[in-house]
PDB file of N, CA and C in Angstrom:
ATOM      1  N   MET A   1     -19.915 -16.778 -11.547  1.00  0.00           N
ATOM      2  CA  MET A   1     -19.379 -15.512 -11.905  1.00  0.00           C
ATOM      3  C   MET A   1     -17.891 -15.178 -11.651  1.00  0.00           C
ATOM      4  N   GLY A   2     -17.155 -16.468 -10.985  1.00  0.00           N
ATOM      5  CA  GLY A   2     -15.978 -16.402 -10.796  1.00  0.00           C
ATOM      6  C   GLY A   2     -15.345 -15.888  -9.586  1.00  0.00           C
ATOM      7  N   PHE A   3     -16.546 -15.631  -8.610  1.00  0.00           N
ATOM      8  CA  PHE A   3     -15.901 -15.112  -7.168  1.00  0.00           C
ATOM      9  C   PHE A   3     -15.087 -16.180  -6.359  1.00  0.00           C
ATOM     10  N   ARG A   4     -14.377 -15.759  -5.886  1.00  0.00           N
ATOM     11  CA  ARG A   4     -13.937 -16.719  -4.700  1.00  0.00           C
ATOM     12  C   ARG A   4     -13.848 -15.831  -3.234  1.00  0.00           C
ATOM     13  N   LEU A   5     -14.226 -17.231  -2.463  1.00  0.00           N
ATOM     14  CA  LEU A   5     -14.445 -16.822  -0.944  1.00  0.00           C
ATOM     15  C   LEU A   5     -13.153 -16.266  -0.334  1.00  0.00           C
ATOM     16  N   SER A   6     -12.992 -15.474   0.615  1.00  0.00           N
ATOM     17  CA  SER A   6     -11.848 -14.910   1.503  1.00  0.00           C
ATOM     18  C   SER A   6     -11.315 -16.147   1.853  1.00  0.00           C
ATOM     19  N   MET A   7     -10.187 -15.779   2.623  1.00  0.00           N
ATOM     20  CA  MET A   7      -9.461 -16.884   3.462  1.00  0.00           C
ATOM     21  C   MET A   7      -9.968 -17.430   4.396  1.00  0.00           C
ATOM     22  N   SER A   8     -10.734 -16.873   4.994  1.00  0.00           N
ATOM     23  CA  SER A   8     -11.511 -17.485   6.429  1.00  0.00           C
ATOM     24  C   SER A   8     -12.821 -17.316   6.120  1.00  0.00           C
ATOM     25  N   GLY A   9     -13.449 -17.615   7.441  1.00  0.00           N
ATOM     26  CA  GLY A   9     -15.151 -17.854   7.025  1.00  0.00           C
ATOM     27  C   GLY A   9     -15.841 -16.528   7.043  1.00  0.00           C
ATOM     28  N   ARG A  10     -17.203 -16.373   7.048  1.00  0.00           N
ATOM     29  CA  ARG A  10     -17.700 -15.349   6.655  1.00  0.00           C
ATOM     30  C   ARG A  10     -17.969 -14.571   8.124  1.00  0.00           C
ATOM     31  N   GLY A  11     -17.832 -13.378   7.968  1.00  0.00           N
ATOM     32  CA  GLY A  11     -17.687 -12.265   9.033  1.00  0.00           C
ATOM     33  C   GLY A  11     -16.534 -12.093   9.692  1.00  0.00           C
ATOM     34  N   GLN A  12     -15.391 -12.915   9.020  1.00  0.00           N
ATOM     35  CA  GLN A  12     -14.022 -12.447   9.891  1.00  0.00           C
ATOM     36  C   GLN A  12     -13.248 -11.325   9.530  1.00  0.00           C
ATOM     37  N   CYS A  13     -12.901 -10.663  10.331  1.00  0.00           N
ATOM     38  CA  CYS A  13     -12.504  -9.311   9.988  1.00  0.00           C
ATOM     39  C   CYS A  13     -10.707  -9.427   9.597  1.00  0.00           C
ATOM     40  N   TRP A  14     -10.441 -10.590   9.793  1.00  0.00           N
ATOM     41  CA  TRP A  14      -8.580 -10.929   9.817  1.00  0.00           C
ATOM     42  C   TRP A  14      -8.312 -10.668   8.431  1.00  0.00           C
ATOM     43  N   ASP A  15      -9.038 -11.164   7.345  1.00  0.00           N
ATOM     44  CA  ASP A  15      -8.723 -10.959   6.274  1.00  0.00           C
ATOM     45  C   ASP A  15      -8.249  -9.679   5.597  1.00  0.00           C
ATOM     46  N   ASN A  16      -8.990  -8.723   6.079  1.00  0.00           N
ATOM     47  CA  ASN A  16      -9.158  -7.495   5.566  1.00  0.00           C
ATOM     48  C   ASN A  16      -7.987  -6.684   6.446  1.00  0.00           C
ATOM     49  N   ALA A  17      -7.579  -6.819   7.662  1.00  0.00           N
ATOM     50  CA  ALA A  17      -6.593  -6.041   8.409  1.00  0.00           C
ATOM     51  C   ALA A  17      -5.423  -5.703   7.479  1.00  0.00           C
ATOM     52  N   PRO A  18      -4.858  -6.679   6.786  1.00  0.00           N
ATOM     53  CA  PRO A  18      -3.505  -6.110   6.162  1.00  0.00           C
ATOM     54  C   PRO A  18      -3.743  -5.168   5.040  1.00  0.00           C
ATOM     55  N   MET A  19      -4.770  -5.226   4.326  1.00  0.00           N
ATOM     56  CA  MET A  19      -5.065  -4.124   3.156  1.00  0.00           C
ATOM     57  C   MET A  19      -5.463  -2.910   3.761  1.00  0.00           C
ATOM     58  N   GLU A  20      -6.164  -3.118   5.028  1.00  0.00           N
ATOM     59  CA  GLU A  20      -6.776  -1.830   5.477  1.00  0.00           C
ATOM     60  C   GLU A  20      -5.432  -0.924   6.030  1.00  0.00           C
ATOM     61  N   SER A  21      -4.531  -1.646   6.529  1.00  0.00           N
ATOM     62  CA  SER A  21      -3.339  -1.020   7.169  1.00  0.00           C
ATOM     63  C   SER A  21      -2.640  -0.541   6.003  1.00  0.00           C
ATOM     64  N   TRP A  22      -2.476  -1.258   4.813  1.00  0.00           N
ATOM     65  CA  TRP A  22      -1.606  -0.246   3.683  1.00  0.00           C
ATOM     66  C   TRP A  22      -2.596   0.387   3.155  1.00  0.00           C
ATOM     67  N   ASN A  23      -4.010   0.552   3.007  1.00  0.00           N
ATOM     68  CA  ASN A  23      -4.699   1.692   2.872  1.00  0.00           C
ATOM     69  C   ASN A  23      -4.549   3.040   3.542  1.00  0.00           C
ATOM     70  N   GLY A  24      -4.356   2.503   4.936  1.00  0.00           N
ATOM     71  CA  GLY A  24      -4.139   3.826   5.610  1.00  0.00           C
ATOM     72  C   GLY A  24      -2.677   4.427   5.662  1.00  0.00           C
ATOM     73  N   THR A  25      -1.711   3.304   5.553  1.00  0.00           N
ATOM     74  CA  THR A  25      -0.469   3.976   4.891  1.00  0.00           C
ATOM     75  C   THR A  25      -0.386   4.935   3.713  1.00  0.00           C
ATOM     76  N   LEU A  26      -1.010   4.111   2.644  1.00  0.00           N
ATOM     77  CA  LEU A  26      -1.063   5.100   1.391  1.00  0.00           C
ATOM     78  C   LEU A  26      -1.801   6.524   1.608  1.00  0.00           C
ATOM     79  N   LYS A  27      -2.776   6.414   2.537  1.00  0.00           N
ATOM     80  CA  LYS A  27      -3.559   7.643   2.471  1.00  0.00           C
ATOM     81  C   LYS A  27      -2.588   8.627   3.349  1.00  0.00           C
ATOM     82  N   ARG A  28      -1.901   8.305   4.409  1.00  0.00           N
ATOM     83  CA  ARG A  28      -1.231   9.129   5.308  1.00  0.00           C
ATOM     84  C   ARG A  28       0.085   9.525   4.394  1.00  0.00           C
ATOM     85  N   GLU A  29       0.583   8.457   3.821  1.00  0.00           N
ATOM     86  CA  GLU A  29       1.957   9.118   3.386  1.00  0.00           C
ATOM     87  C   GLU A  29       1.983   9.673   1.849  1.00  0.00           C
ATOM     88  N   SER A  30       1.016   9.206   0.952  1.00  0.00           N
ATOM     89  CA  SER A  30       1.269   9.815  -0.393  1.00  0.00           C
ATOM     90  C   SER A  30       0.379  11.123  -0.409  1.00  0.00           C
ATOM     91  N   ARG A  31       0.403  11.595  -1.648  1.00  0.00           N
ATOM     92  CA  ARG A  31      -0.605  12.843  -1.791  1.00  0.00           C
ATOM     93  C   ARG A  31      -1.734  12.516  -2.504  1.00  0.00           C
ATOM     94  N   VAL A  32      -2.176  11.269  -2.596  1.00  0.00           N
ATOM     95  CA  VAL A  32      -3.250  10.760  -3.379  1.00  0.00           C
ATOM     96  C   VAL A  32      -4.742  11.493  -2.801  1.00  0.00           C
ATOM     97  N   ILE A  33      -5.072  11.790  -1.780  1.00  0.00           N
ATOM     98  CA  ILE A  33      -6.036  12.532  -1.146  1.00  0.00           C
ATOM     99  C   ILE A  33      -6.176  13.615  -1.522  1.00  0.00           C
ATOM    100  N   THR A  34      -4.975  14.421  -1.610  1.00  0.00           N
ATOM    101  CA  THR A  34      -4.950  16.209  -1.931  1.00  0.00           C
ATOM    102  C   THR A  34      -5.119  16.262  -3.579  1.00  0.00           C
ATOM    103  N   THR A  35      -4.652  14.963  -4.090  1.00  0.00           N
ATOM    104  CA  THR A  35      -4.489  14.921  -5.737  1.00  0.00           C
ATOM    105  C   THR A  35      -5.981  14.554  -6.108  1.00  0.00           C
ATOM    106  N   LEU A  36      -6.699  13.867  -5.198  1.00  0.00           N
ATOM    107  CA  LEU A  36      -8.192  13.431  -5.784  1.00  0.00           C
ATOM    108  C   LEU A  36      -9.163  14.918  -5.329  1.00  0.00           C
ATOM    109  N   GLN A  37      -8.522  15.717  -4.635  1.00  0.00           N
ATOM    110  CA  GLN A  37      -9.442  16.812  -4.424  1.00  0.00           C
ATOM    111  C   GLN A  37      -9.439  17.776  -5.685  1.00  0.00           C
ATOM    112  N   SER A  38      -8.110  17.723  -6.473  1.00  0.00           N
ATOM    113  CA  SER A  38      -7.794  18.510  -7.356  1.00  0.00           C
ATOM    114  C   SER A  38      -8.246  18.185  -8.734  1.00  0.00           C
ATOM    115  N   GLY A  39      -8.569  16.774  -8.668  1.00  0.00           N
ATOM    116  CA  GLY A  39      -9.101  16.364  -9.992  1.00  0.00           C
ATOM    117  C   GLY A  39      -8.452  14.845 -10.315  1.00  0.00           C
ATOM    118  N   LEU A  40      -8.870  14.153 -11.048  1.00  0.00           N
ATOM    119  CA  LEU A  40      -8.410  12.748 -10.940  1.00  0.00           C
ATOM    120  C   LEU A  40      -7.143  12.583 -12.260  1.00  0.00           C
ATOM    121  N   ASP A  41      -6.860  13.667 -12.924  1.00  0.00           N
ATOM    122  CA  ASP A  41      -6.098  13.509 -13.948  1.00  0.00           C
ATOM    123  C   ASP A  41      -4.521  12.978 -13.605  1.00  0.00           C
ATOM    124  N   ASP A  42      -4.063  13.318 -12.321  1.00  0.00           N
ATOM    125  CA  ASP A  42      -2.789  12.968 -11.597  1.00  0.00           C
ATOM    126  C   ASP A  42      -2.914  11.651 -10.834  1.00  0.00           C
ATOM    127  N   VAL A  43      -3.675  11.244 -10.549  1.00  0.00           N
ATOM    128  CA  VAL A  43      -3.928  10.371  -9.495  1.00  0.00           C
ATOM    129  C   VAL A  43      -3.091   9.067  -9.744  1.00  0.00           C
ATOM    130  N   SER A  44      -3.278   8.516 -11.080  1.00  0.00           N
ATOM    131  CA  SER A  44      -2.392   7.406 -11.396  1.00  0.00           C
ATOM    132  C   SER A  44      -0.862   7.568 -11.126  1.00  0.00           C
ATOM    133  N   ASP A  45      -0.520   8.725 -12.034  1.00  0.00           N
ATOM    134  CA  ASP A  45       0.903   9.206 -11.453  1.00  0.00           C
ATOM    135  C   ASP A  45       1.220   9.313 -10.165  1.00  0.00           C
ATOM    136  N   VAL A  46       0.420  10.012  -9.183  1.00  0.00           N
ATOM    137  CA  VAL A  46       1.143   9.986  -7.840  1.00  0.00           C
ATOM    138  C   VAL A  46       1.024   8.584  -7.267  1.00  0.00           C
ATOM    139  N   LEU A  47       0.086   7.941  -7.307  1.00  0.00           N
ATOM    140  CA  LEU A  47       0.036   6.298  -6.825  1.00  0.00           C
ATOM    141  C   LEU A  47       1.218   5.473  -7.518  1.00  0.00           C
ATOM    142  N   PHE A  48       1.602   5.594  -8.787  1.00  0.00           N
ATOM    143  CA  PHE A  48       2.557   4.985  -9.362  1.00  0.00           C
ATOM    144  C   PHE A  48       3.844   5.545  -8.751  1.00  0.00           C
ATOM    145  N   ARG A  49       3.944   6.522  -8.663  1.00  0.00           N
ATOM    146  CA  ARG A  49       5.531   7.483  -7.989  1.00  0.00           C
ATOM    147  C   ARG A  49       5.356   6.752  -6.419  1.00  0.00           C
ATOM    148  N   TRP A  50       4.550   6.894  -5.841  1.00  0.00           N
ATOM    149  CA  TRP A  50       4.712   6.539  -4.207  1.00  0.00           C
ATOM    150  C   TRP A  50       4.860   4.964  -4.191  1.00  0.00           C
ATOM    151  N   ILE A  51       4.009   4.221  -4.930  1.00  0.00           N
ATOM    152  CA  ILE A  51       4.124   2.976  -4.720  1.00  0.00           C
ATOM    153  C   ILE A  51       5.496   2.077  -5.162  1.00  0.00           C
ATOM    154  N   GLU A  52       5.956   2.483  -6.311  1.00  0.00           N
ATOM    155  CA  GLU A  52       6.957   2.113  -7.016  1.00  0.00           C
ATOM    156  C   GLU A  52       8.234   2.827  -6.713  1.00  0.00           C
ATOM    157  N   GLY A  53       8.286   4.101  -6.772  1.00  0.00           N
ATOM    158  CA  GLY A  53       9.280   4.865  -6.362  1.00  0.00           C
ATOM    159  C   GLY A  53       9.737   4.958  -4.799  1.00  0.00           C
ATOM    160  N   TRP A  54       8.841   5.086  -3.946  1.00  0.00           N
ATOM    161  CA  TRP A  54       8.972   5.138  -2.453  1.00  0.00           C
ATOM    162  C   TRP A  54       8.643   3.817  -1.710  1.00  0.00           C
ATOM    163  N   TYR A  55       7.415   3.535  -1.847  1.00  0.00           N
ATOM    164  CA  TYR A  55       6.920   2.198  -0.985  1.00  0.00           C
ATOM    165  C   TYR A  55       7.709   0.875  -1.215  1.00  0.00           C
ATOM    166  N   ASN A  56       7.892   0.737  -2.426  1.00  0.00           N
ATOM    167  CA  ASN A  56       8.288  -0.766  -2.713  1.00  0.00           C
ATOM    168  C   ASN A  56      10.114  -0.866  -2.763  1.00  0.00           C
ATOM    169  N   SER A  57      10.569   0.417  -2.847  1.00  0.00           N
ATOM    170  CA  SER A  57      11.938   0.265  -2.687  1.00  0.00           C
ATOM    171  C   SER A  57      12.746   1.219  -1.647  1.00  0.00           C
ATOM    172  N   ARG A  58      12.303   2.212  -1.243  1.00  0.00           N
ATOM    173  CA  ARG A  58      13.011   3.055  -0.233  1.00  0.00           C
ATOM    174  C   ARG A  58      12.336   3.125   1.259  1.00  0.00           C
ATOM    175  N   ARG A  59      10.968   2.630   1.080  1.00  0.00           N
ATOM    176  CA  ARG A  59      10.364   2.777   2.483  1.00  0.00           C
ATOM    177  C   ARG A  59      10.885   1.718   3.674  1.00  0.00           C
ATOM    178  N   ARG A  60      11.066   2.247   4.920  1.00  0.00           N
ATOM    179  CA  ARG A  60      11.673   1.334   5.688  1.00  0.00           C
ATOM    180  C   ARG A  60      10.537   0.255   6.230  1.00  0.00           C
ATOM    181  N   GLN A  61      10.640  -1.071   6.169  1.00  0.00           N
ATOM    182  CA  GLN A  61       9.684  -2.000   6.664  1.00  0.00           C
ATOM    183  C   GLN A  61       9.847  -2.582   8.182  1.00  0.00           C
ATOM    184  N   SER A  62       9.060  -2.687   8.772  1.00  0.00           N
ATOM    185  CA  SER A  62       9.075  -3.330  10.036  1.00  0.00           C
ATOM    186  C   SER A  62       9.585  -4.685   9.811  1.00  0.00           C
ATOM    187  N   LYS A  63       8.848  -5.273   8.976  1.00  0.00           N
ATOM    188  CA  LYS A  63       9.125  -6.998   8.677  1.00  0.00           C
ATOM    189  C   LYS A  63      10.447  -7.087   8.164  1.00  0.00           C
ATOM    190  N   LEU A  64      11.106  -6.202   7.471  1.00  0.00           N
ATOM    191  CA  LEU A  64      12.583  -6.308   7.158  1.00  0.00           C
ATOM    192  C   LEU A  64      13.643  -5.698   8.115  1.00  0.00           C
ATOM    193  N   GLY A  65      13.177  -5.705   9.241  1.00  0.00           N
ATOM    194  CA  GLY A  65      13.947  -5.402  10.286  1.00  0.00           C
ATOM    195  C   GLY A  65      14.576  -3.569  10.108  1.00  0.00           C
ATOM    196  N   TYR A  66      13.616  -2.855   9.807  1.00  0.00           N
ATOM    197  CA  TYR A  66      13.583  -1.437   9.514  1.00  0.00           C
ATOM    198  C   TYR A  66      14.519  -1.202   8.640  1.00  0.00           C
ATOM    199  N   SER A  67      14.754  -1.859   7.565  1.00  0.00           N
ATOM    200  CA  SER A  67      15.359  -1.507   6.432  1.00  0.00           C
ATOM    201  C   SER A  67      14.398  -1.584   5.214  1.00  0.00           C
ATOM    202  N   SER A  68      15.181  -0.714   4.036  1.00  0.00           N
ATOM    203  CA  SER A  68      14.107  -0.600   2.846  1.00  0.00           C
ATOM    204  C   SER A  68      14.426  -2.048   2.328  1.00  0.00           C
ATOM    205  N   PRO A  69      13.438  -2.055   1.228  1.00  0.00           N
ATOM    206  CA  PRO A  69      13.541  -3.532   0.500  1.00  0.00           C
ATOM    207  C   PRO A  69      14.698  -3.393  -0.402  1.00  0.00           C
ATOM    208  N   THR A  70      15.359  -2.463  -0.649  1.00  0.00           N
ATOM    209  CA  THR A  70      16.517  -2.175  -1.337  1.00  0.00           C
ATOM    210  C   THR A  70      17.606  -2.531  -0.716  1.00  0.00           C
ATOM    211  N   GLU A  71      17.634  -2.186   0.678  1.00  0.00           N
ATOM    212  CA  GLU A  71      18.475  -2.334   1.520  1.00  0.00           C
ATOM    213  C   GLU A  71      18.766  -3.917   1.810  1.00  0.00           C
ATOM    214  N   HIS A  72      17.493  -4.367   2.301  1.00  0.00           N
ATOM    215  CA  HIS A  72      17.641  -5.538   2.352  1.00  0.00           C
ATOM    216  C   HIS A  72      17.773  -6.842   1.515  1.00  0.00           C
ATOM    217  N   GLU A  73      17.723  -6.380  -0.047  1.00  0.00           N
ATOM    218  CA  GLU A  73      18.192  -7.198  -0.933  1.00  0.00           C
ATOM    219  C   GLU A  73      19.722  -7.289  -0.973  1.00  0.00           C
ATOM    220  N   VAL A  74      20.611  -6.237  -0.767  1.00  0.00           N
ATOM    221  CA  VAL A  74      21.822  -6.319  -0.760  1.00  0.00           C
ATOM    222  C   VAL A  74      22.336  -6.907   0.627  1.00  0.00           C
ATOM    223  N   LYS A  75      21.721  -6.972   1.709  1.00  0.00           N
ATOM    224  CA  LYS A  75      22.221  -7.630   2.913  1.00  0.00           C
ATOM    225  C   LYS A  75      22.592  -9.303   2.543  1.00  0.00           C
TER     226      LYS A  75
END
């Protein structure tokens, strides 16, 4: 069926940690949960604006020395 194994062995939680961290950030910082509670119509718009308009461009990232990706590219 085209399934691929995860990066490490069975029962290893380390594969999932980065994604769980990102999902936690998404839930805390975006309005996706409140949008879901009012209906599904606006969810894709809220997610797109948060990911492309905030997270990928302006949000300060610890791995980039606490600068935003846009600031980091200019350096």
